[in-house]
C-alpha atoms as a PDB file:
ATOM      1  CA  MET A   1     -14.970  18.338 -10.217  1.00  0.00           C
ATOM      2  CA  LEU A   2     -12.851  16.054  -7.989  1.00  0.00           C
ATOM      3  CA  ARG A   3      -9.467  17.817  -7.076  1.00  0.00           C
ATOM      4  CA  GLY A   4      -6.564  16.377  -5.573  1.00  0.00           C
ATOM      5  CA  SER A   5      -4.252  18.491  -3.200  1.00  0.00           C
ATOM      6  CA  THR A   6      -2.250  19.144  -6.571  1.00  0.00           C
ATOM      7  CA  ASN A   7      -5.407  20.704  -8.045  1.00  0.00           C
ATOM      8  CA  THR A   8      -5.601  17.567 -10.533  1.00  0.00           C
ATOM      9  CA  ASP A   9      -8.987  17.399 -12.149  1.00  0.00           C
ATOM     10  CA  TYR A  10     -10.563  14.079 -11.651  1.00  0.00           C
ATOM     11  CA  SER A  11     -14.214  14.712 -12.492  1.00  0.00           C
ATOM     12  CA  GLY A  12     -17.369  16.078 -10.612  1.00  0.00           C
ATOM     13  CA  GLY A  13     -17.236  18.610  -7.809  1.00  0.00           C
ATOM     14  CA  GLY A  14     -15.082  18.786  -4.560  1.00  0.00           C
ATOM     15  CA  HIS A  15     -12.909  16.026  -2.969  1.00  0.00           C
ATOM     16  CA  ILE A  16     -14.312  12.469  -2.928  1.00  0.00           C
ATOM     17  CA  SER A  17     -14.087  12.602   1.074  1.00  0.00           C
ATOM     18  CA  GLN A  18     -16.228  15.699   1.132  1.00  0.00           C
ATOM     19  CA  ALA A  19     -19.248  13.615  -0.095  1.00  0.00           C
ATOM     20  CA  VAL A  20     -22.167  13.145   2.508  1.00  0.00           C
ATOM     21  CA  GLY A  21     -24.656  10.473   3.414  1.00  0.00           C
ATOM     22  CA  PRO A  22     -24.340   7.189   1.358  1.00  0.00           C
ATOM     23  CA  PHE A  23     -21.787   8.833  -1.061  1.00  0.00           C
ATOM     24  CA  HIS A  24     -19.089   8.893   1.708  1.00  0.00           C
ATOM     25  CA  SER A  25     -18.646   5.182   1.455  1.00  0.00           C
ATOM     26  CA  LEU A  26     -18.055   5.697  -2.306  1.00  0.00           C
ATOM     27  CA  GLY A  27     -14.650   7.350  -1.415  1.00  0.00           C
ATOM     28  CA  HIS A  28     -13.798   4.419   0.722  1.00  0.00           C
ATOM     29  CA  THR A  29     -14.774   1.992  -1.989  1.00  0.00           C
ATOM     30  CA  CYS A  30     -12.816   3.995  -4.570  1.00  0.00           C
ATOM     31  CA  ALA A  31      -9.652   4.007  -2.391  1.00  0.00           C
ATOM     32  CA  THR A  32     -10.007   0.252  -1.737  1.00  0.00           C
ATOM     33  CA  VAL A  33     -10.434  -0.614  -5.460  1.00  0.00           C
ATOM     34  CA  LEU A  34      -7.639   1.758  -6.536  1.00  0.00           C
ATOM     35  CA  LEU A  35      -5.193   0.376  -3.812  1.00  0.00           C
ATOM     36  CA  ARG A  36      -6.086  -3.181  -4.707  1.00  0.00           C
ATOM     37  CA  LYS A  37      -5.163  -2.374  -8.218  1.00  0.00           C
ATOM     38  CA  ASN A  38      -1.861  -1.207  -7.298  1.00  0.00           C
ATOM     39  CA  VAL A  39      -2.380   2.514  -7.881  1.00  0.00           C
ATOM     40  CA  ASN A  40       0.163   4.589  -6.028  1.00  0.00           C
ATOM     41  CA  PRO A  41      -1.144   5.529  -2.495  1.00  0.00           C
ATOM     42  CA  LYS A  42       0.108   9.240  -3.153  1.00  0.00           C
ATOM     43  CA  ILE A  43      -2.437   9.376  -6.046  1.00  0.00           C
ATOM     44  CA  VAL A  44      -5.195   7.938  -3.872  1.00  0.00           C
ATOM     45  CA  GLN A  45      -4.368  10.369  -1.297  1.00  0.00           C
ATOM     46  CA  GLU A  46      -4.772  13.320  -3.639  1.00  0.00           C
ATOM     47  CA  MET A  47      -7.936  12.038  -5.117  1.00  0.00           C
ATOM     48  CA  LEU A  48      -9.409  11.492  -1.720  1.00  0.00           C
ATOM     49  CA  GLY A  49      -8.242  15.096  -0.617  1.00  0.00           C
ATOM     50  CA  TYR A  50      -6.394  13.640   2.608  1.00  0.00           C
ATOM     51  CA  SER A  51      -3.797  16.129   3.656  1.00  0.00           C
ATOM     52  CA  THR A  52      -1.054  13.451   4.562  1.00  0.00           C
ATOM     53  CA  MET A  53      -0.010  10.057   3.643  1.00  0.00           C
ATOM     54  CA  THR A  54      -0.342   8.978   7.243  1.00  0.00           C
ATOM     55  CA  GLN A  55      -4.014   9.617   7.279  1.00  0.00           C
ATOM     56  CA  THR A  56      -4.181   7.521   3.942  1.00  0.00           C
ATOM     57  CA  MET A  57      -2.201   4.865   4.981  1.00  0.00           C
ATOM     58  CA  ASP A  58      -3.780   4.420   8.711  1.00  0.00           C
ATOM     59  CA  THR A  59      -7.311   4.379   6.955  1.00  0.00           C
ATOM     60  CA  TYR A  60      -6.467   1.743   4.341  1.00  0.00           C
ATOM     61  CA  THR A  61      -3.935  -0.530   6.091  1.00  0.00           C
ATOM     62  CA  HIS A  62      -6.499  -3.427   5.866  1.00  0.00           C
ATOM     63  CA  VAL A  63      -6.125  -3.312   2.130  1.00  0.00           C
ATOM     64  CA  LEU A  64      -2.448  -2.786   1.973  1.00  0.00           C
ATOM     65  CA  SER A  65      -1.940  -5.781   4.568  1.00  0.00           C
ATOM     66  CA  ASP A  66      -3.831  -8.093   2.229  1.00  0.00           C
ATOM     67  CA  MET A  67      -1.161  -7.099  -0.447  1.00  0.00           C
ATOM     68  CA  GLN A  68       1.760  -8.255   1.640  1.00  0.00           C
ATOM     69  CA  ALA A  69       1.576 -11.680   0.316  1.00  0.00           C
ATOM     70  CA  THR A  70       1.574 -10.358  -3.228  1.00  0.00           C
ATOM     71  CA  ALA A  71       4.773  -8.240  -2.616  1.00  0.00           C
ATOM     72  CA  ALA A  72       6.438 -11.214  -0.857  1.00  0.00           C
ATOM     73  CA  SER A  73       5.701 -13.420  -3.927  1.00  0.00           C
ATOM     74  CA  ALA A  74       6.947 -10.764  -6.351  1.00  0.00           C
ATOM     75  CA  MET A  75      10.235 -10.396  -4.351  1.00  0.00           C
ATOM     76  CA  GLU A  76      10.609 -14.221  -4.285  1.00  0.00           C
ATOM     77  CA  GLU A  77      10.048 -14.201  -8.069  1.00  0.00           C
ATOM     78  CA  VAL A  78      12.745 -11.620  -8.583  1.00  0.00           C
ATOM     79  CA  LEU A  79      15.296 -13.309  -6.434  1.00  0.00           C
ATOM     80  CA  SER A  80      14.783 -16.867  -7.828  1.00  0.00           C
END
């Protein structure tokens, strides 16, 4: 089963990041999809088994930078 650092069960067996071969890229795909769906990065970190938020954020900043415009629009909407 997939376990985050909090031992939360996610499904199958081991951390997503422990997959080998072509399955390794599935972890990156999973993280990208989850982050684009606004899943809290801390949850993504736990699911992937990364030890720190820094590692998660450094790895997936390309996804988060795409979300800057969305965040700016949301803030503009709130303030107008």
